[in-house]
Amino acid sequence: MVNRAYGQFCGFSRALEVVGERWALLIIRDLLVQPKRFTDLRRGLPGIPTNILTARLKELEAAGIVERRVLPRPDGSVVYELTKYGAELDEVVDAIGRWGAKSLDSPRPGEVVTVDALATAMRTTFHPKAARGFHGTFELRMGEIVINMRVDGARLAVAPGALPEADLVIETGPAIKAVMMGVMSPAGAIASGSVKIAGDQQLFERFAAIFHIDM
């Protein structure tokens, strides 16, 4: 293995030695959503070469961040999941995501949105104070990508997939970012056709208040 040490007795440099390699934090991001098989990780990171994914998983296992678990029969598949130590990166990943969201504009050629990326985006833009006293469910659809959010006051649970009987279903594309930034009003997004909803429009306005990007 290549020596990646920075030669500094510093927690920050030690962290970079462990998770600073390309793709490492994206693997951790996806595992924060839920445990995954190797094929699930490969599918969710379409640009990663198989050998690099294998190498990163071995490195993260060696560092005590990721571990393997065999699912009960009849499945019997091997899944990768974060250890308790690895799960402590939750706030770190969210903070980096919030910071990075400020530089997002239009998608670059070839860039895609994945389920785990969208789930992480909703976690990082969640504002507990704005959700205080609110209890509701949302389903967010961006083309074939579908996730759901359960808001229980200051607590948020995000998961892949549809949510039957969600209080509000939102169908949209990149325009949702303008709503979450406050550049476009929820009513204006609906009127323009860039967002379609199934449910009460007031819930969409509450959604925009709870999930928003600070610039």
N, C-alpha and C. Protein backbone atom coordinates (compact mmCIF):
# COMPACT_ATOMS: atom_id res chain seq x y z
N MET A 1 0.84 -1.19 0.00
CA MET A 1 0.00 0.00 0.00
C MET A 1 0.88 1.25 0.00
N VAL A 2 0.48 2.24 -0.75
CA VAL A 2 1.24 3.48 -0.82
C VAL A 2 1.17 4.20 0.52
N ASN A 3 2.29 4.76 0.94
CA ASN A 3 2.33 5.50 2.19
C ASN A 3 1.60 6.83 2.01
N ARG A 4 0.46 7.00 2.68
CA ARG A 4 -0.34 8.21 2.54
C ARG A 4 -0.19 9.12 3.75
N ALA A 5 0.79 8.86 4.61
CA ALA A 5 0.97 9.66 5.81
C ALA A 5 1.42 11.07 5.46
N TYR A 6 0.92 12.03 6.23
CA TYR A 6 1.28 13.42 6.02
C TYR A 6 2.42 13.87 6.93
N GLY A 7 2.82 13.00 7.86
CA GLY A 7 3.93 13.35 8.74
C GLY A 7 3.57 14.38 9.78
N GLN A 8 2.27 14.48 10.13
CA GLN A 8 1.84 15.44 11.13
C GLN A 8 1.04 14.74 12.22
N PHE A 9 1.34 15.07 13.46
CA PHE A 9 0.59 14.51 14.58
C PHE A 9 -0.63 15.38 14.81
N CYS A 10 -1.66 15.13 14.01
CA CYS A 10 -2.84 15.99 13.96
C CYS A 10 -4.05 15.14 13.60
N GLY A 11 -5.15 15.35 14.32
CA GLY A 11 -6.35 14.56 14.05
C GLY A 11 -6.87 14.75 12.66
N PHE A 12 -6.80 15.97 12.13
CA PHE A 12 -7.31 16.25 10.79
C PHE A 12 -6.48 15.51 9.74
N SER A 13 -5.16 15.57 9.84
CA SER A 13 -4.33 14.88 8.86
C SER A 13 -4.49 13.37 8.99
N ARG A 14 -4.68 12.87 10.21
CA ARG A 14 -4.90 11.43 10.39
C ARG A 14 -6.21 11.00 9.74
N ALA A 15 -7.23 11.85 9.86
CA ALA A 15 -8.51 11.54 9.22
C ALA A 15 -8.37 11.47 7.72
N LEU A 16 -7.60 12.40 7.14
CA LEU A 16 -7.40 12.40 5.69
C LEU A 16 -6.64 11.15 5.24
N GLU A 17 -5.74 10.67 6.07
CA GLU A 17 -5.03 9.44 5.73
C GLU A 17 -6.00 8.26 5.62
N VAL A 18 -7.08 8.31 6.40
CA VAL A 18 -8.03 7.20 6.45
C VAL A 18 -9.13 7.34 5.40
N VAL A 19 -9.69 8.55 5.24
CA VAL A 19 -10.86 8.70 4.36
C VAL A 19 -10.62 9.70 3.23
N GLY A 20 -9.39 10.14 3.05
CA GLY A 20 -9.12 11.17 2.06
C GLY A 20 -8.89 10.66 0.65
N GLU A 21 -8.82 9.34 0.46
CA GLU A 21 -8.62 8.79 -0.88
C GLU A 21 -9.88 8.98 -1.72
N ARG A 22 -9.69 9.11 -3.02
CA ARG A 22 -10.82 9.30 -3.94
C ARG A 22 -11.84 8.17 -3.79
N TRP A 23 -13.09 8.52 -3.74
CA TRP A 23 -14.24 7.63 -3.63
C TRP A 23 -14.54 7.20 -2.19
N ALA A 24 -13.59 7.33 -1.27
CA ALA A 24 -13.80 6.80 0.08
C ALA A 24 -15.01 7.44 0.75
N LEU A 25 -15.10 8.78 0.72
CA LEU A 25 -16.22 9.43 1.39
C LEU A 25 -17.55 9.19 0.68
N LEU A 26 -17.50 8.97 -0.64
CA LEU A 26 -18.75 8.65 -1.34
C LEU A 26 -19.25 7.26 -0.95
N ILE A 27 -18.34 6.33 -0.73
CA ILE A 27 -18.74 5.00 -0.24
C ILE A 27 -19.37 5.14 1.14
N ILE A 28 -18.74 5.94 1.99
CA ILE A 28 -19.28 6.17 3.33
C ILE A 28 -20.63 6.87 3.25
N ARG A 29 -20.75 7.85 2.36
CA ARG A 29 -22.03 8.54 2.17
C ARG A 29 -23.14 7.54 1.86
N ASP A 30 -22.89 6.62 0.95
CA ASP A 30 -23.92 5.67 0.54
C ASP A 30 -24.23 4.67 1.65
N LEU A 31 -23.22 4.28 2.42
CA LEU A 31 -23.47 3.34 3.51
C LEU A 31 -24.18 4.00 4.69
N LEU A 32 -24.11 5.32 4.77
CA LEU A 32 -24.87 6.02 5.81
C LEU A 32 -26.38 5.93 5.54
N VAL A 33 -26.74 5.74 4.27
CA VAL A 33 -28.16 5.60 3.93
C VAL A 33 -28.67 4.24 4.38
N GLN A 34 -27.90 3.19 4.05
CA GLN A 34 -28.24 1.83 4.50
C GLN A 34 -27.13 0.88 4.08
N PRO A 35 -27.01 -0.29 4.75
CA PRO A 35 -26.01 -1.29 4.34
C PRO A 35 -26.25 -1.72 2.90
N LYS A 36 -25.16 -2.13 2.23
CA LYS A 36 -25.28 -2.46 0.81
C LYS A 36 -24.38 -3.62 0.45
N ARG A 37 -24.83 -4.36 -0.57
CA ARG A 37 -23.98 -5.37 -1.19
C ARG A 37 -22.97 -4.68 -2.10
N PHE A 38 -21.95 -5.42 -2.49
CA PHE A 38 -20.94 -4.87 -3.39
C PHE A 38 -21.59 -4.37 -4.67
N THR A 39 -22.51 -5.15 -5.21
CA THR A 39 -23.18 -4.76 -6.46
C THR A 39 -24.02 -3.50 -6.28
N ASP A 40 -24.62 -3.33 -5.09
CA ASP A 40 -25.39 -2.12 -4.81
C ASP A 40 -24.49 -0.90 -4.80
N LEU A 41 -23.33 -1.04 -4.17
CA LEU A 41 -22.38 0.07 -4.13
C LEU A 41 -21.90 0.40 -5.54
N ARG A 42 -21.61 -0.62 -6.31
CA ARG A 42 -21.13 -0.41 -7.68
C ARG A 42 -22.18 0.30 -8.52
N ARG A 43 -23.43 -0.08 -8.35
CA ARG A 43 -24.52 0.54 -9.11
C ARG A 43 -24.73 1.99 -8.69
N GLY A 44 -24.57 2.28 -7.41
CA GLY A 44 -24.78 3.63 -6.91
C GLY A 44 -23.62 4.58 -7.15
N LEU A 45 -22.47 4.02 -7.57
CA LEU A 45 -21.29 4.83 -7.88
C LEU A 45 -20.86 4.47 -9.30
N PRO A 46 -21.63 4.89 -10.30
CA PRO A 46 -21.41 4.41 -11.67
C PRO A 46 -20.05 4.73 -12.25
N GLY A 47 -19.32 5.69 -11.69
CA GLY A 47 -18.03 6.03 -12.25
C GLY A 47 -16.85 5.31 -11.63
N ILE A 48 -17.08 4.48 -10.62
CA ILE A 48 -15.97 3.87 -9.90
C ILE A 48 -15.56 2.55 -10.56
N PRO A 49 -14.27 2.35 -10.84
CA PRO A 49 -13.80 1.07 -11.35
C PRO A 49 -13.94 -0.01 -10.27
N THR A 50 -14.24 -1.22 -10.68
CA THR A 50 -14.45 -2.30 -9.72
C THR A 50 -13.25 -2.52 -8.82
N ASN A 51 -12.05 -2.45 -9.38
CA ASN A 51 -10.86 -2.69 -8.56
C ASN A 51 -10.64 -1.59 -7.53
N ILE A 52 -11.04 -0.37 -7.87
CA ILE A 52 -10.91 0.73 -6.90
C ILE A 52 -11.92 0.56 -5.77
N LEU A 53 -13.14 0.15 -6.10
CA LEU A 53 -14.15 -0.09 -5.07
C LEU A 53 -13.67 -1.19 -4.13
N THR A 54 -13.12 -2.25 -4.69
CA THR A 54 -12.60 -3.35 -3.86
C THR A 54 -11.49 -2.85 -2.93
N ALA A 55 -10.58 -2.06 -3.49
CA ALA A 55 -9.45 -1.55 -2.70
C ALA A 55 -9.93 -0.62 -1.59
N ARG A 56 -10.88 0.27 -1.91
CA ARG A 56 -11.35 1.21 -0.89
C ARG A 56 -12.07 0.47 0.23
N LEU A 57 -12.87 -0.52 -0.11
CA LEU A 57 -13.59 -1.27 0.92
C LEU A 57 -12.60 -1.99 1.85
N LYS A 58 -11.55 -2.55 1.27
CA LYS A 58 -10.54 -3.23 2.10
C LYS A 58 -9.85 -2.23 3.03
N GLU A 59 -9.55 -1.05 2.50
CA GLU A 59 -8.89 -0.02 3.31
C GLU A 59 -9.81 0.45 4.43
N LEU A 60 -11.09 0.64 4.12
CA LEU A 60 -12.03 1.10 5.14
C LEU A 60 -12.29 0.02 6.18
N GLU A 61 -12.27 -1.23 5.77
CA GLU A 61 -12.38 -2.33 6.73
C GLU A 61 -11.18 -2.36 7.65
N ALA A 62 -9.99 -2.22 7.07
CA ALA A 62 -8.75 -2.25 7.86
C ALA A 62 -8.72 -1.11 8.87
N ALA A 63 -9.36 0.01 8.52
CA ALA A 63 -9.37 1.18 9.40
C ALA A 63 -10.48 1.09 10.44
N GLY A 64 -11.29 0.02 10.40
CA GLY A 64 -12.36 -0.14 11.37
C GLY A 64 -13.58 0.71 11.10
N ILE A 65 -13.71 1.19 9.85
CA ILE A 65 -14.84 2.05 9.49
C ILE A 65 -15.99 1.25 8.88
N VAL A 66 -15.65 0.21 8.14
CA VAL A 66 -16.64 -0.64 7.46
C VAL A 66 -16.44 -2.08 7.90
N GLU A 67 -17.53 -2.82 7.96
CA GLU A 67 -17.44 -4.25 8.25
C GLU A 67 -18.42 -5.01 7.35
N ARG A 68 -18.15 -6.29 7.19
CA ARG A 68 -19.02 -7.14 6.38
C ARG A 68 -19.94 -7.96 7.28
N ARG A 69 -21.15 -8.20 6.78
CA ARG A 69 -22.12 -9.01 7.53
C ARG A 69 -22.87 -9.89 6.55
N VAL A 70 -23.12 -11.11 6.93
CA VAL A 70 -23.87 -12.04 6.09
C VAL A 70 -25.34 -11.97 6.50
N LEU A 71 -26.20 -11.70 5.52
CA LEU A 71 -27.63 -11.62 5.79
C LEU A 71 -28.18 -13.01 6.11
N PRO A 72 -29.24 -13.07 6.92
CA PRO A 72 -29.85 -14.36 7.26
C PRO A 72 -30.37 -15.07 6.02
N ARG A 73 -30.45 -16.37 6.07
CA ARG A 73 -31.04 -17.14 4.98
C ARG A 73 -32.52 -16.80 4.87
N PRO A 74 -33.11 -16.91 3.67
CA PRO A 74 -32.54 -17.52 2.46
C PRO A 74 -31.67 -16.60 1.63
N ASP A 75 -31.55 -15.32 2.02
CA ASP A 75 -30.75 -14.39 1.22
C ASP A 75 -29.28 -14.79 1.23
N GLY A 76 -28.68 -14.74 2.40
CA GLY A 76 -27.29 -15.17 2.53
C GLY A 76 -26.26 -14.27 1.89
N SER A 77 -26.68 -13.08 1.41
CA SER A 77 -25.74 -12.17 0.75
C SER A 77 -24.83 -11.51 1.78
N VAL A 78 -23.68 -11.09 1.30
CA VAL A 78 -22.75 -10.32 2.13
C VAL A 78 -23.03 -8.84 1.90
N VAL A 79 -23.23 -8.10 2.98
CA VAL A 79 -23.44 -6.66 2.87
C VAL A 79 -22.33 -5.93 3.62
N TYR A 80 -22.06 -4.74 3.16
CA TYR A 80 -21.11 -3.86 3.83
C TYR A 80 -21.90 -2.84 4.63
N GLU A 81 -21.46 -2.57 5.84
CA GLU A 81 -22.12 -1.58 6.67
C GLU A 81 -21.08 -0.84 7.51
N LEU A 82 -21.46 0.32 7.99
CA LEU A 82 -20.55 1.10 8.81
C LEU A 82 -20.50 0.54 10.22
N THR A 83 -19.33 0.57 10.80
CA THR A 83 -19.19 0.24 12.21
C THR A 83 -19.68 1.44 13.03
N LYS A 84 -19.70 1.28 14.34
CA LYS A 84 -20.08 2.41 15.19
C LYS A 84 -19.11 3.56 14.98
N TYR A 85 -17.84 3.24 14.83
CA TYR A 85 -16.80 4.25 14.58
C TYR A 85 -17.05 4.94 13.23
N GLY A 86 -17.39 4.16 12.21
CA GLY A 86 -17.66 4.72 10.90
C GLY A 86 -18.89 5.58 10.88
N ALA A 87 -19.92 5.19 11.64
CA ALA A 87 -21.17 5.96 11.67
C ALA A 87 -20.98 7.33 12.29
N GLU A 88 -19.88 7.52 13.03
CA GLU A 88 -19.60 8.83 13.61
C GLU A 88 -19.28 9.87 12.52
N LEU A 89 -19.06 9.41 11.30
CA LEU A 89 -18.80 10.33 10.19
C LEU A 89 -20.09 10.96 9.64
N ASP A 90 -21.21 10.58 10.19
CA ASP A 90 -22.51 11.11 9.74
C ASP A 90 -22.51 12.63 9.68
N GLU A 91 -22.17 13.28 10.79
CA GLU A 91 -22.20 14.74 10.83
C GLU A 91 -21.14 15.34 9.92
N VAL A 92 -20.01 14.65 9.77
CA VAL A 92 -18.95 15.14 8.89
C VAL A 92 -19.43 15.16 7.44
N VAL A 93 -20.03 14.06 7.00
CA VAL A 93 -20.53 13.96 5.63
C VAL A 93 -21.63 14.99 5.39
N ASP A 94 -22.52 15.15 6.36
CA ASP A 94 -23.59 16.14 6.20
C ASP A 94 -23.03 17.55 6.10
N ALA A 95 -22.03 17.86 6.92
CA ALA A 95 -21.44 19.20 6.89
C ALA A 95 -20.76 19.48 5.56
N ILE A 96 -20.03 18.50 5.03
CA ILE A 96 -19.39 18.67 3.72
C ILE A 96 -20.44 18.83 2.64
N GLY A 97 -21.53 18.05 2.75
CA GLY A 97 -22.61 18.15 1.77
C GLY A 97 -23.25 19.52 1.77
N ARG A 98 -23.48 20.08 2.97
CA ARG A 98 -24.07 21.42 3.05
C ARG A 98 -23.14 22.47 2.43
N TRP A 99 -21.87 22.33 2.71
CA TRP A 99 -20.89 23.27 2.16
C TRP A 99 -20.82 23.15 0.64
N GLY A 100 -20.78 21.92 0.14
CA GLY A 100 -20.68 21.70 -1.29
C GLY A 100 -21.91 22.12 -2.06
N ALA A 101 -23.09 22.04 -1.41
CA ALA A 101 -24.34 22.41 -2.09
C ALA A 101 -24.34 23.87 -2.51
N LYS A 102 -23.55 24.70 -1.83
CA LYS A 102 -23.52 26.13 -2.16
C LYS A 102 -22.89 26.39 -3.52
N SER A 103 -22.10 25.45 -4.02
CA SER A 103 -21.43 25.65 -5.31
C SER A 103 -22.11 24.89 -6.44
N LEU A 104 -23.25 24.27 -6.15
CA LEU A 104 -23.98 23.56 -7.20
C LEU A 104 -24.75 24.54 -8.07
N ASP A 105 -24.64 24.36 -9.37
CA ASP A 105 -25.50 25.13 -10.26
C ASP A 105 -26.26 24.13 -11.13
N SER A 106 -26.03 24.12 -12.42
CA SER A 106 -26.65 23.13 -13.29
C SER A 106 -25.77 21.88 -13.36
N PRO A 107 -26.37 20.70 -13.53
CA PRO A 107 -25.56 19.48 -13.65
C PRO A 107 -24.59 19.57 -14.82
N ARG A 108 -23.37 19.12 -14.62
CA ARG A 108 -22.39 19.07 -15.69
C ARG A 108 -22.73 17.91 -16.63
N PRO A 109 -22.23 17.95 -17.86
CA PRO A 109 -22.48 16.84 -18.79
C PRO A 109 -22.01 15.51 -18.18
N GLY A 110 -22.88 14.53 -18.21
CA GLY A 110 -22.53 13.22 -17.69
C GLY A 110 -22.82 13.03 -16.22
N GLU A 111 -23.16 14.10 -15.50
CA GLU A 111 -23.46 13.96 -14.08
C GLU A 111 -24.86 13.41 -13.88
N VAL A 112 -24.99 12.53 -12.91
CA VAL A 112 -26.28 11.91 -12.62
C VAL A 112 -26.63 12.12 -11.15
N VAL A 113 -27.90 11.95 -10.86
CA VAL A 113 -28.37 11.96 -9.47
C VAL A 113 -28.65 10.52 -9.08
N THR A 114 -28.12 10.10 -7.94
CA THR A 114 -28.37 8.74 -7.46
C THR A 114 -29.30 8.79 -6.25
N VAL A 115 -29.85 7.65 -5.92
CA VAL A 115 -30.74 7.57 -4.75
C VAL A 115 -30.03 8.04 -3.50
N ASP A 116 -28.80 7.55 -3.28
CA ASP A 116 -28.08 7.89 -2.06
C ASP A 116 -27.65 9.35 -2.04
N ALA A 117 -27.31 9.89 -3.21
CA ALA A 117 -26.95 11.31 -3.27
C ALA A 117 -28.15 12.18 -2.91
N LEU A 118 -29.33 11.82 -3.42
CA LEU A 118 -30.52 12.60 -3.12
C LEU A 118 -30.91 12.46 -1.65
N ALA A 119 -30.80 11.24 -1.12
CA ALA A 119 -31.11 11.03 0.29
C ALA A 119 -30.18 11.85 1.17
N THR A 120 -28.90 11.89 0.81
CA THR A 120 -27.94 12.68 1.58
C THR A 120 -28.25 14.17 1.47
N ALA A 121 -28.64 14.61 0.27
CA ALA A 121 -28.99 16.01 0.08
C ALA A 121 -30.13 16.43 0.99
N MET A 122 -31.11 15.57 1.16
CA MET A 122 -32.24 15.92 2.01
C MET A 122 -31.83 15.92 3.49
N ARG A 123 -30.94 15.03 3.86
CA ARG A 123 -30.44 15.05 5.23
C ARG A 123 -29.66 16.32 5.52
N THR A 124 -28.83 16.73 4.56
CA THR A 124 -27.96 17.88 4.81
C THR A 124 -28.70 19.21 4.74
N THR A 125 -29.86 19.24 4.13
CA THR A 125 -30.62 20.49 4.04
C THR A 125 -31.77 20.55 5.04
N PHE A 126 -31.86 19.56 5.89
CA PHE A 126 -32.93 19.50 6.89
C PHE A 126 -32.64 20.48 8.03
N HIS A 127 -33.65 21.28 8.37
CA HIS A 127 -33.52 22.26 9.45
C HIS A 127 -34.47 21.89 10.59
N PRO A 128 -33.94 21.29 11.65
CA PRO A 128 -34.79 20.83 12.75
C PRO A 128 -35.66 21.93 13.36
N LYS A 129 -35.12 23.15 13.47
CA LYS A 129 -35.91 24.23 14.08
C LYS A 129 -37.15 24.53 13.25
N ALA A 130 -37.02 24.48 11.93
CA ALA A 130 -38.15 24.76 11.05
C ALA A 130 -39.18 23.63 11.11
N ALA A 131 -38.73 22.44 11.53
CA ALA A 131 -39.63 21.28 11.58
C ALA A 131 -40.26 21.09 12.95
N ARG A 132 -39.91 21.95 13.89
CA ARG A 132 -40.42 21.79 15.25
C ARG A 132 -41.95 21.80 15.25
N GLY A 133 -42.53 20.78 15.85
CA GLY A 133 -43.98 20.66 15.94
C GLY A 133 -44.64 20.07 14.71
N PHE A 134 -43.85 19.79 13.67
CA PHE A 134 -44.41 19.25 12.43
C PHE A 134 -44.22 17.73 12.38
N HIS A 135 -45.24 17.05 11.95
CA HIS A 135 -45.17 15.59 11.79
C HIS A 135 -45.82 15.27 10.44
N GLY A 136 -45.02 14.78 9.51
CA GLY A 136 -45.55 14.49 8.18
C GLY A 136 -44.58 13.67 7.36
N THR A 137 -45.07 13.24 6.21
CA THR A 137 -44.27 12.39 5.33
C THR A 137 -44.26 12.96 3.92
N PHE A 138 -43.12 12.79 3.25
CA PHE A 138 -42.95 13.28 1.88
C PHE A 138 -42.37 12.16 1.01
N GLU A 139 -42.80 12.17 -0.23
CA GLU A 139 -42.17 11.31 -1.23
C GLU A 139 -41.64 12.23 -2.32
N LEU A 140 -40.35 12.09 -2.65
CA LEU A 140 -39.72 12.96 -3.63
C LEU A 140 -39.29 12.12 -4.83
N ARG A 141 -39.75 12.52 -6.01
CA ARG A 141 -39.44 11.79 -7.24
C ARG A 141 -38.67 12.70 -8.19
N MET A 142 -37.51 12.21 -8.62
CA MET A 142 -36.73 12.90 -9.66
C MET A 142 -36.44 11.88 -10.75
N GLY A 143 -37.36 11.81 -11.73
CA GLY A 143 -37.26 10.78 -12.75
C GLY A 143 -37.44 9.40 -12.12
N GLU A 144 -36.48 8.52 -12.34
CA GLU A 144 -36.55 7.18 -11.78
C GLU A 144 -36.08 7.12 -10.34
N ILE A 145 -35.50 8.20 -9.85
CA ILE A 145 -35.00 8.24 -8.48
C ILE A 145 -36.13 8.63 -7.53
N VAL A 146 -36.39 7.79 -6.55
CA VAL A 146 -37.48 8.03 -5.61
C VAL A 146 -36.98 7.80 -4.18
N ILE A 147 -37.22 8.76 -3.30
CA ILE A 147 -36.90 8.60 -1.89
C ILE A 147 -38.08 9.09 -1.07
N ASN A 148 -38.06 8.81 0.22
CA ASN A 148 -39.11 9.30 1.09
C ASN A 148 -38.51 9.84 2.38
N MET A 149 -39.21 10.78 2.97
CA MET A 149 -38.79 11.42 4.21
C MET A 149 -39.92 11.38 5.23
N ARG A 150 -39.57 11.00 6.44
CA ARG A 150 -40.51 11.06 7.56
C ARG A 150 -39.99 12.10 8.55
N VAL A 151 -40.77 13.12 8.76
CA VAL A 151 -40.38 14.18 9.68
C VAL A 151 -41.22 14.05 10.95
N ASP A 152 -40.53 13.91 12.06
CA ASP A 152 -41.19 13.79 13.37
C ASP A 152 -40.59 14.85 14.28
N GLY A 153 -41.11 16.06 14.13
CA GLY A 153 -40.52 17.17 14.87
C GLY A 153 -39.11 17.43 14.37
N ALA A 154 -38.15 17.44 15.30
CA ALA A 154 -36.77 17.72 14.94
C ALA A 154 -36.03 16.50 14.42
N ARG A 155 -36.72 15.39 14.25
CA ARG A 155 -36.09 14.16 13.78
C ARG A 155 -36.50 13.86 12.35
N LEU A 156 -35.53 13.38 11.58
CA LEU A 156 -35.77 13.06 10.18
C LEU A 156 -35.29 11.65 9.88
N ALA A 157 -36.10 10.91 9.14
CA ALA A 157 -35.69 9.60 8.62
C ALA A 157 -35.85 9.64 7.11
N VAL A 158 -34.78 9.32 6.40
CA VAL A 158 -34.80 9.31 4.94
C VAL A 158 -34.50 7.90 4.47
N ALA A 159 -35.25 7.43 3.46
CA ALA A 159 -35.05 6.08 2.96
C ALA A 159 -35.31 6.05 1.45
N PRO A 160 -34.67 5.12 0.75
CA PRO A 160 -34.95 4.96 -0.67
C PRO A 160 -36.35 4.41 -0.90
N GLY A 161 -36.92 4.70 -2.06
CA GLY A 161 -38.17 4.10 -2.46
C GLY A 161 -39.40 4.95 -2.18
N ALA A 162 -40.51 4.48 -2.73
CA ALA A 162 -41.79 5.19 -2.57
C ALA A 162 -42.33 4.99 -1.16
N LEU A 163 -43.26 5.84 -0.80
CA LEU A 163 -43.91 5.75 0.50
C LEU A 163 -45.42 5.82 0.29
N PRO A 164 -46.09 4.66 0.32
CA PRO A 164 -47.54 4.66 0.13
C PRO A 164 -48.23 5.58 1.12
N GLU A 165 -49.18 6.34 0.65
CA GLU A 165 -49.96 7.25 1.46
C GLU A 165 -49.13 8.38 2.08
N ALA A 166 -48.06 8.77 1.39
CA ALA A 166 -47.30 9.93 1.85
C ALA A 166 -48.20 11.15 1.87
N ASP A 167 -47.97 12.06 2.81
CA ASP A 167 -48.80 13.25 2.90
C ASP A 167 -48.65 14.14 1.68
N LEU A 168 -47.44 14.13 1.09
CA LEU A 168 -47.19 14.95 -0.09
C LEU A 168 -46.22 14.22 -1.01
N VAL A 169 -46.58 14.14 -2.28
CA VAL A 169 -45.69 13.57 -3.30
C VAL A 169 -45.22 14.71 -4.20
N ILE A 170 -43.91 14.80 -4.38
CA ILE A 170 -43.31 15.87 -5.17
C ILE A 170 -42.58 15.25 -6.36
N GLU A 171 -42.96 15.67 -7.57
CA GLU A 171 -42.26 15.24 -8.78
C GLU A 171 -41.54 16.45 -9.36
N THR A 172 -40.24 16.32 -9.57
CA THR A 172 -39.47 17.47 -9.98
C THR A 172 -38.18 17.06 -10.66
N GLY A 173 -37.35 18.04 -10.92
CA GLY A 173 -36.01 17.83 -11.47
C GLY A 173 -35.07 18.78 -10.76
N PRO A 174 -34.02 19.25 -11.45
CA PRO A 174 -33.07 20.16 -10.82
C PRO A 174 -33.71 21.45 -10.29
N ALA A 175 -34.90 21.78 -10.76
CA ALA A 175 -35.57 23.02 -10.32
C ALA A 175 -35.87 23.02 -8.83
N ILE A 176 -35.90 21.86 -8.20
CA ILE A 176 -36.19 21.81 -6.77
C ILE A 176 -35.14 22.58 -5.99
N LYS A 177 -33.92 22.66 -6.54
CA LYS A 177 -32.85 23.40 -5.86
C LYS A 177 -33.22 24.88 -5.74
N ALA A 178 -33.83 25.44 -6.78
CA ALA A 178 -34.23 26.85 -6.73
C ALA A 178 -35.26 27.09 -5.64
N VAL A 179 -36.15 26.13 -5.44
CA VAL A 179 -37.15 26.24 -4.37
C VAL A 179 -36.47 26.16 -3.01
N MET A 180 -35.54 25.22 -2.87
CA MET A 180 -34.86 25.02 -1.59
C MET A 180 -33.90 26.16 -1.26
N MET A 181 -33.48 26.90 -2.27
CA MET A 181 -32.63 28.07 -2.05
C MET A 181 -33.45 29.33 -1.80
N GLY A 182 -34.76 29.26 -2.05
CA GLY A 182 -35.61 30.43 -1.90
C GLY A 182 -35.61 31.33 -3.12
N VAL A 183 -34.96 30.88 -4.21
CA VAL A 183 -34.93 31.66 -5.45
C VAL A 183 -36.28 31.61 -6.15
N MET A 184 -36.96 30.48 -6.04
CA MET A 184 -38.29 30.30 -6.64
C MET A 184 -39.26 29.90 -5.54
N SER A 185 -40.42 30.50 -5.54
CA SER A 185 -41.42 30.16 -4.52
C SER A 185 -42.06 28.82 -4.85
N PRO A 186 -42.56 28.11 -3.85
CA PRO A 186 -43.26 26.85 -4.13
C PRO A 186 -44.42 27.04 -5.10
N ALA A 187 -45.17 28.13 -4.93
CA ALA A 187 -46.31 28.39 -5.83
C ALA A 187 -45.80 28.66 -7.25
N GLY A 188 -44.70 29.39 -7.36
CA GLY A 188 -44.14 29.69 -8.68
C GLY A 188 -43.61 28.45 -9.36
N ALA A 189 -43.02 27.53 -8.60
CA ALA A 189 -42.51 26.29 -9.17
C ALA A 189 -43.64 25.43 -9.72
N ILE A 190 -44.75 25.40 -8.99
CA ILE A 190 -45.91 24.64 -9.45
C ILE A 190 -46.51 25.30 -10.69
N ALA A 191 -46.63 26.62 -10.66
CA ALA A 191 -47.22 27.34 -11.79
C ALA A 191 -46.40 27.19 -13.06
N SER A 192 -45.07 27.10 -12.92
CA SER A 192 -44.19 26.97 -14.08
C SER A 192 -44.17 25.55 -14.63
N GLY A 193 -44.69 24.60 -13.85
CA GLY A 193 -44.67 23.21 -14.28
C GLY A 193 -43.38 22.48 -13.95
N SER A 194 -42.43 23.17 -13.32
CA SER A 194 -41.17 22.52 -12.99
C SER A 194 -41.29 21.60 -11.79
N VAL A 195 -42.38 21.75 -11.04
CA VAL A 195 -42.68 20.88 -9.91
C VAL A 195 -44.15 20.49 -9.98
N LYS A 196 -44.43 19.23 -9.79
CA LYS A 196 -45.80 18.75 -9.70
C LYS A 196 -45.97 18.10 -8.33
N ILE A 197 -47.10 18.34 -7.72
CA ILE A 197 -47.34 17.77 -6.40
C ILE A 197 -48.67 17.02 -6.37
N ALA A 198 -48.74 16.08 -5.46
CA ALA A 198 -49.99 15.40 -5.14
C ALA A 198 -50.18 15.58 -3.64
N GLY A 199 -51.07 16.49 -3.28
CA GLY A 199 -51.27 16.82 -1.88
C GLY A 199 -51.52 18.31 -1.73
N ASP A 200 -51.55 18.75 -0.50
CA ASP A 200 -51.84 20.14 -0.17
C ASP A 200 -50.65 21.04 -0.51
N GLN A 201 -50.88 22.14 -1.23
CA GLN A 201 -49.80 23.04 -1.58
C GLN A 201 -49.14 23.65 -0.34
N GLN A 202 -49.90 23.82 0.73
CA GLN A 202 -49.33 24.35 1.96
C GLN A 202 -48.26 23.41 2.52
N LEU A 203 -48.42 22.11 2.27
CA LEU A 203 -47.41 21.16 2.70
C LEU A 203 -46.12 21.35 1.90
N PHE A 204 -46.26 21.72 0.63
CA PHE A 204 -45.07 21.97 -0.17
C PHE A 204 -44.35 23.22 0.34
N GLU A 205 -45.10 24.21 0.76
CA GLU A 205 -44.49 25.40 1.35
C GLU A 205 -43.78 25.05 2.65
N ARG A 206 -44.35 24.14 3.42
CA ARG A 206 -43.69 23.71 4.66
C ARG A 206 -42.43 22.90 4.33
N PHE A 207 -42.53 22.09 3.30
CA PHE A 207 -41.37 21.33 2.84
C PHE A 207 -40.21 22.27 2.51
N ALA A 208 -40.51 23.36 1.79
CA ALA A 208 -39.48 24.31 1.39
C ALA A 208 -38.88 25.02 2.59
N ALA A 209 -39.65 25.15 3.66
CA ALA A 209 -39.13 25.77 4.88
C ALA A 209 -38.25 24.82 5.68
N ILE A 210 -38.62 23.55 5.64
CA ILE A 210 -37.89 22.54 6.43
C ILE A 210 -36.61 22.12 5.74
N PHE A 211 -36.67 22.00 4.40
CA PHE A 211 -35.50 21.58 3.62
C PHE A 211 -35.05 22.77 2.77
N HIS A 212 -34.03 23.46 3.20
CA HIS A 212 -33.58 24.59 2.40
C HIS A 212 -32.06 24.74 2.47
N ILE A 213 -31.53 25.33 1.44
CA ILE A 213 -30.07 25.49 1.30
C ILE A 213 -29.69 26.89 1.75
N ASP A 214 -28.83 26.97 2.74
CA ASP A 214 -28.34 28.27 3.21
C ASP A 214 -27.20 28.73 2.34
N MET A 215 -27.32 29.92 1.80
CA MET A 215 -26.27 30.47 0.93
C MET A 215 -25.47 31.54 1.69
